[in-house]
Amino acid sequence: MENQEKKKMDYRWVIIIILIVIGVGLYFYQSYQLHHLRKDLSAQADSALNKQNKQLLKLSAKPLVWAIRSEMLRNNLDEINVFNTDLVKERNVTEITLLNAVGKIINSTDKKLEDTMAKPDYLALLKSDTVSVNSINDSLNLLVAPVMGYQSKLGAVILKYKVEKFRAE
């Protein structure tokens, strides 16, 4: 009789241990799934944020180019310097460079670049006739906006913009 009670007791412990192992396994499996779900949602949010940043950069390029165009037509580089210096103080704007039609840097927030010829990668950007936003790397976008005169291209504005990442809290 004692033997049967001992066997029943052993089965109870085995069942309890199995239930504990299943519970712990489910906990770790759910934790694993939640981690990957957060990672995927964060990547989607980064992508959406980057896309929206690019659209807003394109939109903000129009008034900037209009202002620079009017001052270039008046040959007023001091006013362009004021625009650029003020704009680079904004969050995430790191550098603004203005090229003339032949590729010479006529104004830049990095003053050591002024009055020099642009690098070949910037000269290639000068050929574009449309506003574009290119990703240099995960943390930097490059806005290229042509400055058009009445009959010809006057130059191009190149703006470096630091990309922010989505931070889940």
N, C-alpha and C. Protein backbone atom coordinates (compact mmCIF):
# COMPACT_ATOMS: atom_id res chain seq x y z
N MET A 1 0.81 -1.18 0.00
CA MET A 1 0.00 0.00 0.00
C MET A 1 0.87 1.27 0.00
N GLU A 2 1.89 1.27 0.81
CA GLU A 2 2.81 2.40 0.84
C GLU A 2 3.52 2.55 -0.50
N ASN A 3 3.75 1.47 -1.14
CA ASN A 3 4.44 1.47 -2.42
C ASN A 3 3.61 2.22 -3.47
N GLN A 4 2.28 2.01 -3.47
CA GLN A 4 1.41 2.70 -4.42
C GLN A 4 1.39 4.21 -4.15
N GLU A 5 1.34 4.59 -2.89
CA GLU A 5 1.35 6.01 -2.56
C GLU A 5 2.68 6.65 -2.98
N LYS A 6 3.76 5.91 -2.84
CA LYS A 6 5.08 6.43 -3.23
C LYS A 6 5.14 6.65 -4.74
N LYS A 7 4.54 5.72 -5.52
CA LYS A 7 4.52 5.87 -6.98
C LYS A 7 3.67 7.07 -7.39
N LYS A 8 2.51 7.25 -6.71
CA LYS A 8 1.66 8.39 -7.02
C LYS A 8 2.41 9.69 -6.73
N MET A 9 3.14 9.72 -5.65
CA MET A 9 3.89 10.90 -5.27
C MET A 9 4.98 11.20 -6.31
N ASP A 10 5.66 10.17 -6.80
CA ASP A 10 6.70 10.37 -7.81
C ASP A 10 6.12 10.95 -9.09
N TYR A 11 4.93 10.48 -9.48
CA TYR A 11 4.29 11.00 -10.69
C TYR A 11 3.90 12.46 -10.51
N ARG A 12 3.46 12.84 -9.34
CA ARG A 12 3.09 14.23 -9.08
C ARG A 12 4.30 15.15 -9.25
N TRP A 13 5.45 14.74 -8.70
CA TRP A 13 6.66 15.54 -8.84
C TRP A 13 7.10 15.65 -10.29
N VAL A 14 6.98 14.58 -11.02
CA VAL A 14 7.34 14.60 -12.44
C VAL A 14 6.42 15.55 -13.19
N ILE A 15 5.13 15.50 -12.92
CA ILE A 15 4.18 16.39 -13.57
C ILE A 15 4.47 17.85 -13.21
N ILE A 16 4.76 18.11 -11.92
CA ILE A 16 5.08 19.47 -11.48
C ILE A 16 6.35 19.98 -12.18
N ILE A 17 7.36 19.16 -12.27
CA ILE A 17 8.61 19.54 -12.93
C ILE A 17 8.37 19.80 -14.42
N ILE A 18 7.56 18.96 -15.06
CA ILE A 18 7.24 19.15 -16.49
C ILE A 18 6.51 20.47 -16.69
N LEU A 19 5.54 20.78 -15.83
CA LEU A 19 4.81 22.04 -15.93
C LEU A 19 5.73 23.24 -15.72
N ILE A 20 6.66 23.14 -14.78
CA ILE A 20 7.62 24.22 -14.54
C ILE A 20 8.52 24.42 -15.76
N VAL A 21 9.00 23.32 -16.33
CA VAL A 21 9.85 23.42 -17.53
C VAL A 21 9.08 24.03 -18.69
N ILE A 22 7.82 23.63 -18.87
CA ILE A 22 7.00 24.20 -19.94
C ILE A 22 6.78 25.70 -19.70
N GLY A 23 6.51 26.09 -18.47
CA GLY A 23 6.30 27.51 -18.13
C GLY A 23 7.54 28.35 -18.41
N VAL A 24 8.69 27.84 -17.97
CA VAL A 24 9.94 28.56 -18.21
C VAL A 24 10.24 28.64 -19.71
N GLY A 25 9.99 27.56 -20.42
CA GLY A 25 10.21 27.54 -21.87
C GLY A 25 9.31 28.54 -22.58
N LEU A 26 8.03 28.61 -22.18
CA LEU A 26 7.11 29.58 -22.78
C LEU A 26 7.55 31.02 -22.48
N TYR A 27 8.02 31.25 -21.27
CA TYR A 27 8.49 32.58 -20.90
C TYR A 27 9.65 33.01 -21.80
N PHE A 28 10.65 32.15 -21.98
CA PHE A 28 11.80 32.50 -22.81
C PHE A 28 11.43 32.62 -24.28
N TYR A 29 10.50 31.79 -24.74
CA TYR A 29 10.05 31.87 -26.13
C TYR A 29 9.32 33.20 -26.37
N GLN A 30 8.44 33.59 -25.46
CA GLN A 30 7.74 34.87 -25.59
C GLN A 30 8.72 36.04 -25.52
N SER A 31 9.70 35.96 -24.65
CA SER A 31 10.71 37.00 -24.53
C SER A 31 11.50 37.13 -25.84
N TYR A 32 11.85 36.01 -26.43
CA TYR A 32 12.57 35.98 -27.71
C TYR A 32 11.71 36.62 -28.80
N GLN A 33 10.43 36.25 -28.87
CA GLN A 33 9.53 36.81 -29.89
C GLN A 33 9.36 38.31 -29.69
N LEU A 34 9.21 38.75 -28.45
CA LEU A 34 9.03 40.17 -28.15
C LEU A 34 10.27 40.97 -28.55
N HIS A 35 11.44 40.42 -28.29
CA HIS A 35 12.68 41.10 -28.67
C HIS A 35 12.74 41.30 -30.18
N HIS A 36 12.42 40.27 -30.94
CA HIS A 36 12.46 40.39 -32.40
C HIS A 36 11.36 41.31 -32.93
N LEU A 37 10.21 41.30 -32.29
CA LEU A 37 9.14 42.20 -32.69
C LEU A 37 9.55 43.66 -32.46
N ARG A 38 10.15 43.95 -31.31
CA ARG A 38 10.64 45.30 -31.05
C ARG A 38 11.70 45.72 -32.06
N LYS A 39 12.58 44.80 -32.38
CA LYS A 39 13.65 45.08 -33.34
C LYS A 39 13.06 45.40 -34.71
N ASP A 40 12.07 44.62 -35.16
CA ASP A 40 11.43 44.86 -36.45
C ASP A 40 10.67 46.18 -36.46
N LEU A 41 9.93 46.46 -35.40
CA LEU A 41 9.19 47.72 -35.32
C LEU A 41 10.12 48.92 -35.29
N SER A 42 11.24 48.79 -34.60
CA SER A 42 12.22 49.86 -34.56
C SER A 42 12.82 50.11 -35.95
N ALA A 43 13.09 49.05 -36.68
CA ALA A 43 13.62 49.19 -38.04
C ALA A 43 12.59 49.85 -38.96
N GLN A 44 11.33 49.48 -38.81
CA GLN A 44 10.27 50.10 -39.62
C GLN A 44 10.12 51.58 -39.26
N ALA A 45 10.21 51.90 -37.99
CA ALA A 45 10.10 53.29 -37.56
C ALA A 45 11.29 54.10 -38.09
N ASP A 46 12.50 53.53 -38.06
CA ASP A 46 13.68 54.20 -38.62
C ASP A 46 13.48 54.50 -40.11
N SER A 47 12.97 53.51 -40.82
CA SER A 47 12.74 53.67 -42.25
C SER A 47 11.71 54.76 -42.53
N ALA A 48 10.62 54.76 -41.78
CA ALA A 48 9.59 55.78 -41.96
C ALA A 48 10.11 57.17 -41.60
N LEU A 49 10.88 57.26 -40.53
CA LEU A 49 11.46 58.54 -40.11
C LEU A 49 12.44 59.06 -41.16
N ASN A 50 13.26 58.18 -41.71
CA ASN A 50 14.21 58.58 -42.74
C ASN A 50 13.49 59.05 -44.00
N LYS A 51 12.43 58.34 -44.38
CA LYS A 51 11.65 58.71 -45.57
C LYS A 51 11.02 60.09 -45.37
N GLN A 52 10.45 60.33 -44.19
CA GLN A 52 9.82 61.61 -43.91
C GLN A 52 10.87 62.73 -43.86
N ASN A 53 12.04 62.45 -43.29
CA ASN A 53 13.11 63.45 -43.27
C ASN A 53 13.50 63.85 -44.69
N LYS A 54 13.61 62.86 -45.58
CA LYS A 54 13.97 63.16 -46.96
C LYS A 54 12.91 64.02 -47.64
N GLN A 55 11.64 63.71 -47.40
CA GLN A 55 10.57 64.50 -48.01
C GLN A 55 10.59 65.94 -47.49
N LEU A 56 10.80 66.10 -46.19
CA LEU A 56 10.83 67.45 -45.62
C LEU A 56 12.06 68.23 -46.07
N LEU A 57 13.18 67.54 -46.25
CA LEU A 57 14.37 68.22 -46.77
C LEU A 57 14.12 68.73 -48.19
N LYS A 58 13.48 67.90 -49.02
CA LYS A 58 13.16 68.33 -50.38
C LYS A 58 12.24 69.53 -50.36
N LEU A 59 11.26 69.49 -49.49
CA LEU A 59 10.30 70.59 -49.40
C LEU A 59 10.98 71.88 -48.93
N SER A 60 11.86 71.78 -47.96
CA SER A 60 12.52 72.97 -47.44
C SER A 60 13.59 73.50 -48.40
N ALA A 61 14.01 72.70 -49.35
CA ALA A 61 15.02 73.15 -50.31
C ALA A 61 14.49 74.24 -51.23
N LYS A 62 13.22 74.19 -51.56
CA LYS A 62 12.67 75.17 -52.51
C LYS A 62 12.82 76.61 -52.02
N PRO A 63 12.34 76.95 -50.82
CA PRO A 63 12.51 78.36 -50.41
C PRO A 63 13.97 78.76 -50.23
N LEU A 64 14.80 77.81 -49.78
CA LEU A 64 16.23 78.11 -49.64
C LEU A 64 16.84 78.44 -51.00
N VAL A 65 16.53 77.63 -52.00
CA VAL A 65 17.08 77.86 -53.34
C VAL A 65 16.53 79.17 -53.92
N TRP A 66 15.27 79.47 -53.68
CA TRP A 66 14.72 80.73 -54.18
C TRP A 66 15.44 81.92 -53.57
N ALA A 67 15.70 81.86 -52.27
CA ALA A 67 16.40 82.96 -51.61
C ALA A 67 17.83 83.08 -52.13
N ILE A 68 18.51 81.96 -52.27
CA ILE A 68 19.89 81.98 -52.76
C ILE A 68 19.93 82.45 -54.21
N ARG A 69 18.97 82.02 -55.01
CA ARG A 69 18.91 82.43 -56.42
C ARG A 69 18.79 83.95 -56.53
N SER A 70 17.88 84.53 -55.77
CA SER A 70 17.69 85.97 -55.88
C SER A 70 18.95 86.73 -55.45
N GLU A 71 19.66 86.24 -54.45
CA GLU A 71 20.89 86.91 -54.00
C GLU A 71 22.04 86.65 -54.98
N MET A 72 22.06 85.48 -55.61
CA MET A 72 23.11 85.22 -56.62
C MET A 72 22.92 86.13 -57.83
N LEU A 73 21.68 86.35 -58.23
CA LEU A 73 21.41 87.23 -59.37
C LEU A 73 21.82 88.67 -59.05
N ARG A 74 21.76 89.06 -57.78
CA ARG A 74 22.19 90.40 -57.36
C ARG A 74 23.68 90.43 -57.00
N ASN A 75 24.33 89.27 -57.07
CA ASN A 75 25.74 89.12 -56.71
C ASN A 75 25.99 89.52 -55.25
N ASN A 76 25.09 89.11 -54.37
CA ASN A 76 25.16 89.46 -52.96
C ASN A 76 25.51 88.21 -52.14
N LEU A 77 26.79 87.87 -52.12
CA LEU A 77 27.24 86.67 -51.40
C LEU A 77 27.19 86.83 -49.89
N ASP A 78 27.24 88.06 -49.41
CA ASP A 78 27.16 88.28 -47.96
C ASP A 78 25.81 87.82 -47.40
N GLU A 79 24.75 88.11 -48.12
CA GLU A 79 23.41 87.70 -47.68
C GLU A 79 23.28 86.18 -47.72
N ILE A 80 23.87 85.54 -48.71
CA ILE A 80 23.87 84.07 -48.80
C ILE A 80 24.62 83.50 -47.60
N ASN A 81 25.71 84.13 -47.24
CA ASN A 81 26.48 83.68 -46.08
C ASN A 81 25.64 83.78 -44.80
N VAL A 82 24.83 84.83 -44.69
CA VAL A 82 23.95 84.98 -43.53
C VAL A 82 22.92 83.85 -43.51
N PHE A 83 22.32 83.54 -44.68
CA PHE A 83 21.34 82.44 -44.76
C PHE A 83 21.97 81.14 -44.26
N ASN A 84 23.13 80.84 -44.85
CA ASN A 84 23.78 79.55 -44.56
C ASN A 84 24.25 79.46 -43.11
N THR A 85 24.81 80.54 -42.59
CA THR A 85 25.29 80.54 -41.21
C THR A 85 24.13 80.36 -40.24
N ASP A 86 23.02 81.00 -40.55
CA ASP A 86 21.84 80.87 -39.69
C ASP A 86 21.23 79.46 -39.79
N LEU A 87 21.21 78.92 -40.99
CA LEU A 87 20.61 77.60 -41.20
C LEU A 87 21.44 76.48 -40.58
N VAL A 88 22.76 76.62 -40.59
CA VAL A 88 23.61 75.57 -40.04
C VAL A 88 23.51 75.51 -38.51
N LYS A 89 22.94 76.54 -37.91
CA LYS A 89 22.72 76.52 -36.46
C LYS A 89 21.54 75.62 -36.08
N GLU A 90 20.72 75.29 -37.06
CA GLU A 90 19.57 74.41 -36.80
C GLU A 90 20.06 73.00 -36.48
N ARG A 91 19.25 72.33 -35.70
CA ARG A 91 19.57 70.97 -35.28
C ARG A 91 19.69 70.06 -36.49
N ASN A 92 20.71 69.26 -36.53
CA ASN A 92 20.99 68.22 -37.53
C ASN A 92 21.55 68.75 -38.85
N VAL A 93 21.58 70.05 -39.10
CA VAL A 93 22.23 70.58 -40.30
C VAL A 93 23.70 70.73 -39.96
N THR A 94 24.56 70.02 -40.70
CA THR A 94 25.98 70.03 -40.35
C THR A 94 26.83 70.90 -41.27
N GLU A 95 26.45 71.00 -42.55
CA GLU A 95 27.25 71.80 -43.48
C GLU A 95 26.41 72.20 -44.67
N ILE A 96 26.64 73.41 -45.18
CA ILE A 96 25.99 73.88 -46.40
C ILE A 96 27.07 74.42 -47.32
N THR A 97 27.01 73.98 -48.57
CA THR A 97 27.99 74.40 -49.56
C THR A 97 27.26 74.89 -50.80
N LEU A 98 27.71 76.00 -51.36
CA LEU A 98 27.13 76.56 -52.58
C LEU A 98 28.19 76.54 -53.67
N LEU A 99 27.88 75.84 -54.75
CA LEU A 99 28.78 75.77 -55.91
C LEU A 99 28.26 76.69 -56.99
N ASN A 100 29.17 77.28 -57.76
CA ASN A 100 28.71 78.02 -58.93
C ASN A 100 28.59 77.04 -60.10
N ALA A 101 28.27 77.53 -61.28
CA ALA A 101 27.99 76.65 -62.43
C ALA A 101 29.20 75.86 -62.90
N VAL A 102 30.40 76.33 -62.62
CA VAL A 102 31.60 75.61 -63.07
C VAL A 102 32.17 74.69 -62.01
N GLY A 103 31.60 74.71 -60.81
CA GLY A 103 32.04 73.80 -59.76
C GLY A 103 32.93 74.41 -58.71
N LYS A 104 33.06 75.70 -58.72
CA LYS A 104 33.85 76.38 -57.70
C LYS A 104 32.95 76.63 -56.48
N ILE A 105 33.49 76.40 -55.30
CA ILE A 105 32.74 76.63 -54.07
C ILE A 105 32.80 78.12 -53.77
N ILE A 106 31.64 78.77 -53.88
CA ILE A 106 31.62 80.22 -53.67
C ILE A 106 31.17 80.59 -52.26
N ASN A 107 30.52 79.65 -51.57
CA ASN A 107 30.14 79.89 -50.18
C ASN A 107 30.00 78.55 -49.48
N SER A 108 30.49 78.48 -48.27
CA SER A 108 30.37 77.26 -47.49
C SER A 108 30.42 77.60 -46.01
N THR A 109 29.75 76.79 -45.21
CA THR A 109 29.86 76.98 -43.77
C THR A 109 31.20 76.48 -43.27
N ASP A 110 31.89 75.66 -44.07
CA ASP A 110 33.26 75.26 -43.79
C ASP A 110 34.15 76.22 -44.60
N LYS A 111 34.59 77.28 -43.96
CA LYS A 111 35.25 78.39 -44.65
C LYS A 111 36.54 77.99 -45.38
N LYS A 112 37.20 76.92 -44.97
CA LYS A 112 38.43 76.53 -45.66
C LYS A 112 38.14 75.97 -47.06
N LEU A 113 36.89 75.63 -47.36
CA LEU A 113 36.53 75.13 -48.68
C LEU A 113 36.25 76.26 -49.68
N GLU A 114 35.96 77.45 -49.19
CA GLU A 114 35.59 78.55 -50.08
C GLU A 114 36.71 78.89 -51.05
N ASP A 115 36.31 79.25 -52.26
CA ASP A 115 37.22 79.65 -53.35
C ASP A 115 38.11 78.51 -53.82
N THR A 116 37.67 77.27 -53.59
CA THR A 116 38.37 76.11 -54.13
C THR A 116 37.43 75.38 -55.08
N MET A 117 37.99 74.54 -55.91
CA MET A 117 37.16 73.71 -56.79
C MET A 117 36.59 72.55 -55.98
N ALA A 118 35.38 72.21 -56.31
CA ALA A 118 34.72 71.12 -55.59
C ALA A 118 35.36 69.78 -55.94
N LYS A 119 35.22 68.82 -55.05
CA LYS A 119 35.72 67.47 -55.29
C LYS A 119 34.90 66.83 -56.40
N PRO A 120 35.45 65.81 -57.05
CA PRO A 120 34.73 65.17 -58.17
C PRO A 120 33.34 64.65 -57.81
N ASP A 121 33.14 64.16 -56.59
CA ASP A 121 31.81 63.68 -56.24
C ASP A 121 30.80 64.82 -56.15
N TYR A 122 31.23 66.01 -55.73
CA TYR A 122 30.35 67.18 -55.72
C TYR A 122 30.12 67.69 -57.15
N LEU A 123 31.14 67.60 -57.99
CA LEU A 123 30.97 68.04 -59.38
C LEU A 123 29.94 67.17 -60.10
N ALA A 124 29.91 65.89 -59.78
CA ALA A 124 28.90 65.00 -60.37
C ALA A 124 27.50 65.41 -59.91
N LEU A 125 27.39 65.87 -58.68
CA LEU A 125 26.09 66.31 -58.16
C LEU A 125 25.63 67.60 -58.83
N LEU A 126 26.57 68.40 -59.27
CA LEU A 126 26.25 69.67 -59.92
C LEU A 126 25.48 69.47 -61.22
N LYS A 127 25.62 68.32 -61.84
CA LYS A 127 24.97 68.04 -63.12
C LYS A 127 23.46 67.82 -63.00
N SER A 128 22.99 67.53 -61.80
CA SER A 128 21.58 67.23 -61.59
C SER A 128 20.71 68.47 -61.76
N ASP A 129 19.55 68.31 -62.37
CA ASP A 129 18.60 69.41 -62.54
C ASP A 129 17.39 69.28 -61.62
N THR A 130 17.42 68.31 -60.73
CA THR A 130 16.30 68.11 -59.81
C THR A 130 16.82 68.07 -58.37
N VAL A 131 15.93 68.39 -57.46
CA VAL A 131 16.27 68.32 -56.04
C VAL A 131 16.31 66.85 -55.65
N SER A 132 17.38 66.43 -54.99
CA SER A 132 17.48 65.04 -54.56
C SER A 132 18.09 64.97 -53.16
N VAL A 133 17.73 63.91 -52.47
CA VAL A 133 18.29 63.63 -51.15
C VAL A 133 18.92 62.25 -51.22
N ASN A 134 20.23 62.19 -51.01
CA ASN A 134 20.97 60.93 -51.08
C ASN A 134 21.48 60.56 -49.70
N SER A 135 21.47 59.28 -49.40
CA SER A 135 22.01 58.82 -48.13
C SER A 135 23.50 58.55 -48.30
N ILE A 136 24.32 59.24 -47.55
CA ILE A 136 25.77 58.99 -47.58
C ILE A 136 26.07 57.75 -46.76
N ASN A 137 25.48 57.67 -45.59
CA ASN A 137 25.57 56.48 -44.73
C ASN A 137 24.33 56.48 -43.84
N ASP A 138 24.30 55.62 -42.84
CA ASP A 138 23.12 55.51 -41.98
C ASP A 138 22.83 56.77 -41.19
N SER A 139 23.83 57.61 -41.02
CA SER A 139 23.63 58.77 -40.16
C SER A 139 23.73 60.12 -40.88
N LEU A 140 23.85 60.12 -42.22
CA LEU A 140 24.01 61.39 -42.93
C LEU A 140 23.32 61.37 -44.28
N ASN A 141 22.48 62.38 -44.52
CA ASN A 141 21.84 62.58 -45.82
C ASN A 141 22.45 63.79 -46.50
N LEU A 142 22.42 63.78 -47.81
CA LEU A 142 22.98 64.87 -48.61
C LEU A 142 21.88 65.41 -49.51
N LEU A 143 21.49 66.66 -49.28
CA LEU A 143 20.50 67.33 -50.11
C LEU A 143 21.23 68.07 -51.22
N VAL A 144 20.82 67.84 -52.45
CA VAL A 144 21.40 68.54 -53.60
C VAL A 144 20.26 69.26 -54.30
N ALA A 145 20.37 70.59 -54.41
CA ALA A 145 19.33 71.40 -55.03
C ALA A 145 19.96 72.34 -56.04
N PRO A 146 19.58 72.22 -57.31
CA PRO A 146 20.14 73.14 -58.31
C PRO A 146 19.56 74.55 -58.14
N VAL A 147 20.41 75.53 -58.41
CA VAL A 147 19.98 76.93 -58.39
C VAL A 147 19.91 77.37 -59.85
N MET A 148 18.68 77.59 -60.32
CA MET A 148 18.47 77.90 -61.73
C MET A 148 18.27 79.40 -61.92
N GLY A 149 18.95 79.95 -62.93
CA GLY A 149 18.77 81.35 -63.30
C GLY A 149 17.67 81.46 -64.33
N TYR A 150 17.62 82.60 -65.00
CA TYR A 150 16.58 82.80 -66.01
C TYR A 150 16.79 81.90 -67.23
N GLN A 151 18.04 81.77 -67.69
CA GLN A 151 18.31 80.96 -68.86
C GLN A 151 19.29 79.82 -68.61
N SER A 152 19.97 79.82 -67.48
CA SER A 152 20.97 78.78 -67.25
C SER A 152 21.05 78.45 -65.76
N LYS A 153 21.80 77.42 -65.48
CA LYS A 153 22.00 77.02 -64.09
C LYS A 153 23.08 77.91 -63.47
N LEU A 154 22.76 78.44 -62.29
CA LEU A 154 23.71 79.30 -61.59
C LEU A 154 24.65 78.49 -60.70
N GLY A 155 24.18 77.33 -60.24
CA GLY A 155 24.99 76.50 -59.36
C GLY A 155 24.14 75.48 -58.65
N ALA A 156 24.59 75.05 -57.49
CA ALA A 156 23.86 74.06 -56.70
C ALA A 156 24.15 74.27 -55.22
N VAL A 157 23.14 73.98 -54.42
CA VAL A 157 23.27 74.01 -52.96
C VAL A 157 23.39 72.57 -52.49
N ILE A 158 24.39 72.31 -51.68
CA ILE A 158 24.58 70.97 -51.11
C ILE A 158 24.53 71.11 -49.59
N LEU A 159 23.59 70.39 -48.98
CA LEU A 159 23.37 70.49 -47.54
C LEU A 159 23.53 69.11 -46.92
N LYS A 160 24.35 69.03 -45.90
CA LYS A 160 24.53 67.77 -45.16
C LYS A 160 23.61 67.79 -43.94
N TYR A 161 22.84 66.73 -43.80
CA TYR A 161 21.85 66.64 -42.73
C TYR A 161 22.04 65.35 -41.95
N LYS A 162 22.23 65.48 -40.64
CA LYS A 162 22.43 64.32 -39.78
C LYS A 162 21.08 63.65 -39.51
N VAL A 163 21.02 62.35 -39.74
CA VAL A 163 19.80 61.57 -39.58
C VAL A 163 19.66 61.11 -38.14
N GLU A 164 18.47 61.27 -37.59
CA GLU A 164 18.20 60.77 -36.25
C GLU A 164 17.58 59.39 -36.34
N LYS A 165 17.91 58.57 -35.39
CA LYS A 165 17.34 57.23 -35.31
C LYS A 165 16.16 57.23 -34.36
N PHE A 166 15.23 56.32 -34.61
CA PHE A 166 14.08 56.14 -33.72
C PHE A 166 14.55 55.53 -32.43
N ARG A 167 14.09 56.10 -31.32
CA ARG A 167 14.46 55.57 -30.00
C ARG A 167 13.21 55.13 -29.28
N ALA A 168 13.04 53.83 -29.14
CA ALA A 168 11.89 53.32 -28.39
C ALA A 168 12.17 53.49 -26.90
N GLU A 169 11.20 54.01 -26.19
CA GLU A 169 11.40 54.24 -24.75
C GLU A 169 10.44 53.43 -23.94
